[in-house]
């Protein structure tokens, strides 16, 4: 534990931010898993894709994941849906 007052505050703030970031990232991952199961079951559509992409965009806008990583994830999900709809 730090002795300096400002360092103590940084520890508290970092813990809060870490918790928030983990919650956002966990919600994003959960949404992606639900999307994957919907695609596997054949019940996925554009509405499910939009919900999943929204969760990814929220994580990117809050700085939890990088903007390019978010775009890469969204593109892969769209490609996955297109492939599932063709088959």
N, C-alpha and C. Protein backbone atom coordinates (compact mmCIF):
# COMPACT_ATOMS: atom_id res chain seq x y z
N UNK A 1 0.85 -1.18 0.00
CA UNK A 1 0.00 0.00 0.00
C UNK A 1 0.89 1.24 0.00
N UNK A 2 0.57 2.21 -0.85
CA UNK A 2 1.39 3.42 -0.92
C UNK A 2 1.24 4.31 0.32
N UNK A 3 2.28 5.08 0.58
CA UNK A 3 2.27 6.00 1.71
C UNK A 3 1.84 7.41 1.32
N UNK A 4 2.04 7.75 0.06
CA UNK A 4 1.73 9.10 -0.41
C UNK A 4 0.23 9.20 -0.70
N UNK A 5 -0.35 10.32 -0.28
CA UNK A 5 -1.80 10.48 -0.37
C UNK A 5 -2.29 10.39 -1.81
N UNK A 6 -1.61 11.02 -2.74
CA UNK A 6 -2.05 10.99 -4.14
C UNK A 6 -1.93 9.58 -4.73
N UNK A 7 -0.93 8.84 -4.29
CA UNK A 7 -0.78 7.47 -4.76
C UNK A 7 -1.90 6.59 -4.22
N UNK A 8 -2.34 6.86 -2.99
CA UNK A 8 -3.46 6.11 -2.42
C UNK A 8 -4.73 6.36 -3.24
N UNK A 9 -4.91 7.63 -3.63
CA UNK A 9 -6.08 7.96 -4.44
C UNK A 9 -6.00 7.25 -5.79
N UNK A 10 -4.82 7.22 -6.40
CA UNK A 10 -4.66 6.56 -7.70
C UNK A 10 -5.04 5.08 -7.59
N UNK A 11 -4.67 4.44 -6.49
CA UNK A 11 -5.00 3.02 -6.30
C UNK A 11 -6.52 2.85 -6.28
N UNK A 12 -7.23 3.70 -5.54
CA UNK A 12 -8.68 3.62 -5.46
C UNK A 12 -9.33 3.86 -6.82
N UNK A 13 -8.87 4.90 -7.51
CA UNK A 13 -9.44 5.25 -8.81
C UNK A 13 -9.18 4.13 -9.82
N UNK A 14 -7.97 3.58 -9.78
CA UNK A 14 -7.63 2.51 -10.71
C UNK A 14 -8.49 1.26 -10.46
N UNK A 15 -8.79 0.98 -9.21
CA UNK A 15 -9.64 -0.17 -8.89
C UNK A 15 -11.05 0.04 -9.44
N UNK A 16 -11.58 1.26 -9.31
CA UNK A 16 -12.92 1.56 -9.83
C UNK A 16 -12.95 1.43 -11.35
N UNK A 17 -11.93 2.00 -11.99
CA UNK A 17 -11.87 1.95 -13.46
C UNK A 17 -11.70 0.51 -13.94
N UNK A 18 -10.89 -0.25 -13.22
CA UNK A 18 -10.67 -1.64 -13.59
C UNK A 18 -11.97 -2.43 -13.51
N UNK A 19 -12.75 -2.19 -12.46
CA UNK A 19 -14.03 -2.87 -12.29
C UNK A 19 -14.98 -2.50 -13.43
N UNK A 20 -15.06 -1.21 -13.73
CA UNK A 20 -15.93 -0.75 -14.82
C UNK A 20 -15.53 -1.36 -16.16
N UNK A 21 -14.22 -1.35 -16.44
CA UNK A 21 -13.73 -1.91 -17.69
C UNK A 21 -14.03 -3.40 -17.79
N UNK A 22 -13.85 -4.13 -16.68
CA UNK A 22 -14.13 -5.57 -16.70
C UNK A 22 -15.61 -5.83 -16.94
N UNK A 23 -16.48 -5.01 -16.35
CA UNK A 23 -17.92 -5.18 -16.55
C UNK A 23 -18.30 -4.95 -18.02
N UNK A 24 -17.75 -3.92 -18.61
CA UNK A 24 -18.06 -3.60 -20.01
C UNK A 24 -17.54 -4.70 -20.93
N UNK A 25 -16.32 -5.15 -20.68
CA UNK A 25 -15.73 -6.19 -21.52
C UNK A 25 -16.48 -7.51 -21.35
N UNK A 26 -16.90 -7.81 -20.14
CA UNK A 26 -17.65 -9.03 -19.88
C UNK A 26 -19.00 -9.00 -20.59
N UNK A 27 -19.67 -7.86 -20.54
CA UNK A 27 -20.96 -7.72 -21.22
C UNK A 27 -20.79 -7.89 -22.73
N UNK A 28 -19.71 -7.34 -23.26
CA UNK A 28 -19.44 -7.47 -24.69
C UNK A 28 -19.22 -8.94 -25.06
N UNK A 29 -18.41 -9.63 -24.26
CA UNK A 29 -18.13 -11.03 -24.54
C UNK A 29 -19.38 -11.89 -24.44
N UNK A 30 -20.23 -11.60 -23.45
CA UNK A 30 -21.47 -12.34 -23.28
C UNK A 30 -22.37 -12.16 -24.50
N UNK A 31 -22.46 -10.92 -25.00
CA UNK A 31 -23.28 -10.65 -26.17
C UNK A 31 -22.74 -11.39 -27.40
N UNK A 32 -21.43 -11.42 -27.53
CA UNK A 32 -20.82 -12.13 -28.66
C UNK A 32 -21.10 -13.63 -28.56
N UNK A 33 -21.04 -14.18 -27.36
CA UNK A 33 -21.34 -15.61 -27.18
C UNK A 33 -22.79 -15.91 -27.53
N UNK A 34 -23.71 -15.03 -27.12
CA UNK A 34 -25.12 -15.22 -27.47
C UNK A 34 -25.31 -15.16 -28.98
N UNK A 35 -24.59 -14.27 -29.63
CA UNK A 35 -24.65 -14.15 -31.08
C UNK A 35 -24.14 -15.43 -31.74
N UNK A 36 -23.04 -15.95 -31.24
CA UNK A 36 -22.47 -17.18 -31.81
C UNK A 36 -23.44 -18.35 -31.69
N UNK A 37 -24.11 -18.46 -30.54
CA UNK A 37 -25.07 -19.55 -30.38
C UNK A 37 -26.28 -19.36 -31.29
N UNK A 38 -26.69 -18.10 -31.51
CA UNK A 38 -27.81 -17.83 -32.41
C UNK A 38 -27.44 -18.18 -33.84
N UNK A 39 -26.21 -17.88 -34.24
CA UNK A 39 -25.75 -18.22 -35.59
C UNK A 39 -25.68 -19.74 -35.74
N UNK A 40 -25.18 -20.41 -34.72
CA UNK A 40 -25.07 -21.87 -34.78
C UNK A 40 -26.45 -22.52 -34.85
N UNK A 41 -27.43 -21.92 -34.17
CA UNK A 41 -28.79 -22.46 -34.17
C UNK A 41 -29.55 -22.07 -35.43
N UNK A 42 -29.01 -21.11 -36.19
CA UNK A 42 -29.68 -20.67 -37.41
C UNK A 42 -30.75 -19.63 -37.17
N UNK A 43 -30.79 -19.06 -35.99
CA UNK A 43 -31.83 -18.06 -35.67
C UNK A 43 -31.29 -16.64 -35.66
N UNK A 44 -30.07 -16.46 -36.15
CA UNK A 44 -29.47 -15.12 -36.14
C UNK A 44 -30.00 -14.30 -37.31
N UNK A 45 -30.21 -13.01 -37.08
CA UNK A 45 -30.61 -12.10 -38.13
C UNK A 45 -29.91 -10.75 -37.92
N UNK A 46 -30.30 -9.76 -38.71
CA UNK A 46 -29.65 -8.45 -38.62
C UNK A 46 -29.90 -7.77 -37.27
N UNK A 47 -31.04 -8.08 -36.64
CA UNK A 47 -31.34 -7.47 -35.35
C UNK A 47 -30.35 -7.95 -34.28
N UNK A 48 -30.07 -9.23 -34.28
CA UNK A 48 -29.11 -9.79 -33.31
C UNK A 48 -27.71 -9.24 -33.60
N UNK A 49 -27.39 -9.12 -34.89
CA UNK A 49 -26.09 -8.56 -35.28
C UNK A 49 -25.96 -7.12 -34.81
N UNK A 50 -27.02 -6.33 -34.96
CA UNK A 50 -26.99 -4.92 -34.55
C UNK A 50 -26.80 -4.80 -33.04
N UNK A 51 -27.46 -5.67 -32.28
CA UNK A 51 -27.30 -5.64 -30.82
C UNK A 51 -25.87 -5.95 -30.42
N UNK A 52 -25.30 -6.94 -31.07
CA UNK A 52 -23.91 -7.33 -30.76
C UNK A 52 -22.94 -6.23 -31.15
N UNK A 53 -23.16 -5.65 -32.32
CA UNK A 53 -22.27 -4.57 -32.76
C UNK A 53 -22.39 -3.36 -31.84
N UNK A 54 -23.57 -3.12 -31.31
CA UNK A 54 -23.75 -2.01 -30.37
C UNK A 54 -22.95 -2.21 -29.10
N UNK A 55 -22.92 -3.46 -28.61
CA UNK A 55 -22.13 -3.76 -27.41
C UNK A 55 -20.65 -3.55 -27.68
N UNK A 56 -20.22 -3.93 -28.87
CA UNK A 56 -18.80 -3.75 -29.23
C UNK A 56 -18.49 -2.25 -29.36
N UNK A 57 -19.39 -1.50 -29.97
CA UNK A 57 -19.19 -0.05 -30.11
C UNK A 57 -19.13 0.65 -28.75
N UNK A 58 -19.97 0.21 -27.80
CA UNK A 58 -19.94 0.79 -26.46
C UNK A 58 -18.58 0.56 -25.80
N UNK A 59 -18.06 -0.64 -25.95
CA UNK A 59 -16.75 -0.94 -25.36
C UNK A 59 -15.66 -0.09 -26.01
N UNK A 60 -15.74 0.11 -27.31
CA UNK A 60 -14.74 0.91 -28.00
C UNK A 60 -14.86 2.39 -27.63
N UNK A 61 -16.08 2.88 -27.49
CA UNK A 61 -16.26 4.30 -27.18
C UNK A 61 -15.77 4.63 -25.77
N UNK A 62 -15.80 3.65 -24.88
CA UNK A 62 -15.33 3.86 -23.51
C UNK A 62 -13.84 3.55 -23.36
N UNK A 63 -13.21 3.15 -24.45
CA UNK A 63 -11.77 2.92 -24.42
C UNK A 63 -11.37 1.57 -23.85
N UNK A 64 -12.33 0.66 -23.71
CA UNK A 64 -12.01 -0.66 -23.16
C UNK A 64 -11.27 -1.49 -24.20
N UNK A 65 -11.71 -1.39 -25.47
CA UNK A 65 -10.99 -2.03 -26.57
C UNK A 65 -10.67 -0.95 -27.60
N UNK A 66 -9.70 -1.21 -28.44
CA UNK A 66 -9.28 -0.25 -29.44
C UNK A 66 -10.32 -0.17 -30.56
N UNK A 67 -10.39 1.00 -31.21
CA UNK A 67 -11.37 1.23 -32.27
C UNK A 67 -11.19 0.24 -33.42
N UNK A 68 -9.95 -0.02 -33.80
CA UNK A 68 -9.70 -0.96 -34.90
C UNK A 68 -10.05 -2.38 -34.51
N UNK A 69 -9.83 -2.74 -33.26
CA UNK A 69 -10.20 -4.08 -32.78
C UNK A 69 -11.72 -4.23 -32.83
N UNK A 70 -12.44 -3.17 -32.48
CA UNK A 70 -13.90 -3.21 -32.53
C UNK A 70 -14.38 -3.38 -33.97
N UNK A 71 -13.78 -2.65 -34.89
CA UNK A 71 -14.17 -2.77 -36.29
C UNK A 71 -13.86 -4.16 -36.83
N UNK A 72 -12.75 -4.72 -36.42
CA UNK A 72 -12.38 -6.07 -36.86
C UNK A 72 -13.39 -7.10 -36.33
N UNK A 73 -13.78 -6.97 -35.07
CA UNK A 73 -14.76 -7.89 -34.49
C UNK A 73 -16.10 -7.78 -35.22
N UNK A 74 -16.54 -6.55 -35.48
CA UNK A 74 -17.83 -6.34 -36.14
C UNK A 74 -17.81 -6.91 -37.56
N UNK A 75 -16.71 -6.73 -38.27
CA UNK A 75 -16.60 -7.25 -39.63
C UNK A 75 -16.64 -8.78 -39.63
N UNK A 76 -15.99 -9.39 -38.68
CA UNK A 76 -15.98 -10.85 -38.60
C UNK A 76 -17.37 -11.40 -38.27
N UNK A 77 -18.10 -10.68 -37.41
CA UNK A 77 -19.45 -11.11 -37.06
C UNK A 77 -20.37 -11.02 -38.28
N UNK A 78 -20.25 -9.92 -39.03
CA UNK A 78 -21.08 -9.74 -40.23
C UNK A 78 -20.76 -10.81 -41.26
N UNK A 79 -19.49 -11.11 -41.40
CA UNK A 79 -19.06 -12.14 -42.35
C UNK A 79 -19.60 -13.51 -41.94
N UNK A 80 -19.59 -13.77 -40.64
CA UNK A 80 -20.10 -15.03 -40.09
C UNK A 80 -21.60 -15.16 -40.37
N UNK A 81 -22.34 -14.07 -40.19
CA UNK A 81 -23.78 -14.09 -40.44
C UNK A 81 -24.07 -14.31 -41.93
N UNK A 82 -23.33 -13.63 -42.80
CA UNK A 82 -23.53 -13.77 -44.24
C UNK A 82 -23.27 -15.21 -44.68
N UNK A 83 -22.24 -15.81 -44.13
CA UNK A 83 -21.89 -17.20 -44.47
C UNK A 83 -22.99 -18.15 -43.99
N UNK A 84 -23.53 -17.88 -42.78
CA UNK A 84 -24.58 -18.74 -42.23
C UNK A 84 -25.88 -18.61 -43.03
N UNK A 85 -26.18 -17.41 -43.51
CA UNK A 85 -27.41 -17.21 -44.28
C UNK A 85 -27.33 -17.82 -45.67
N UNK A 86 -26.11 -17.90 -46.24
CA UNK A 86 -25.94 -18.53 -47.54
C UNK A 86 -26.17 -20.03 -47.47
N UNK A 87 -25.72 -20.62 -46.40
CA UNK A 87 -25.78 -22.09 -46.29
C UNK A 87 -27.17 -22.61 -46.02
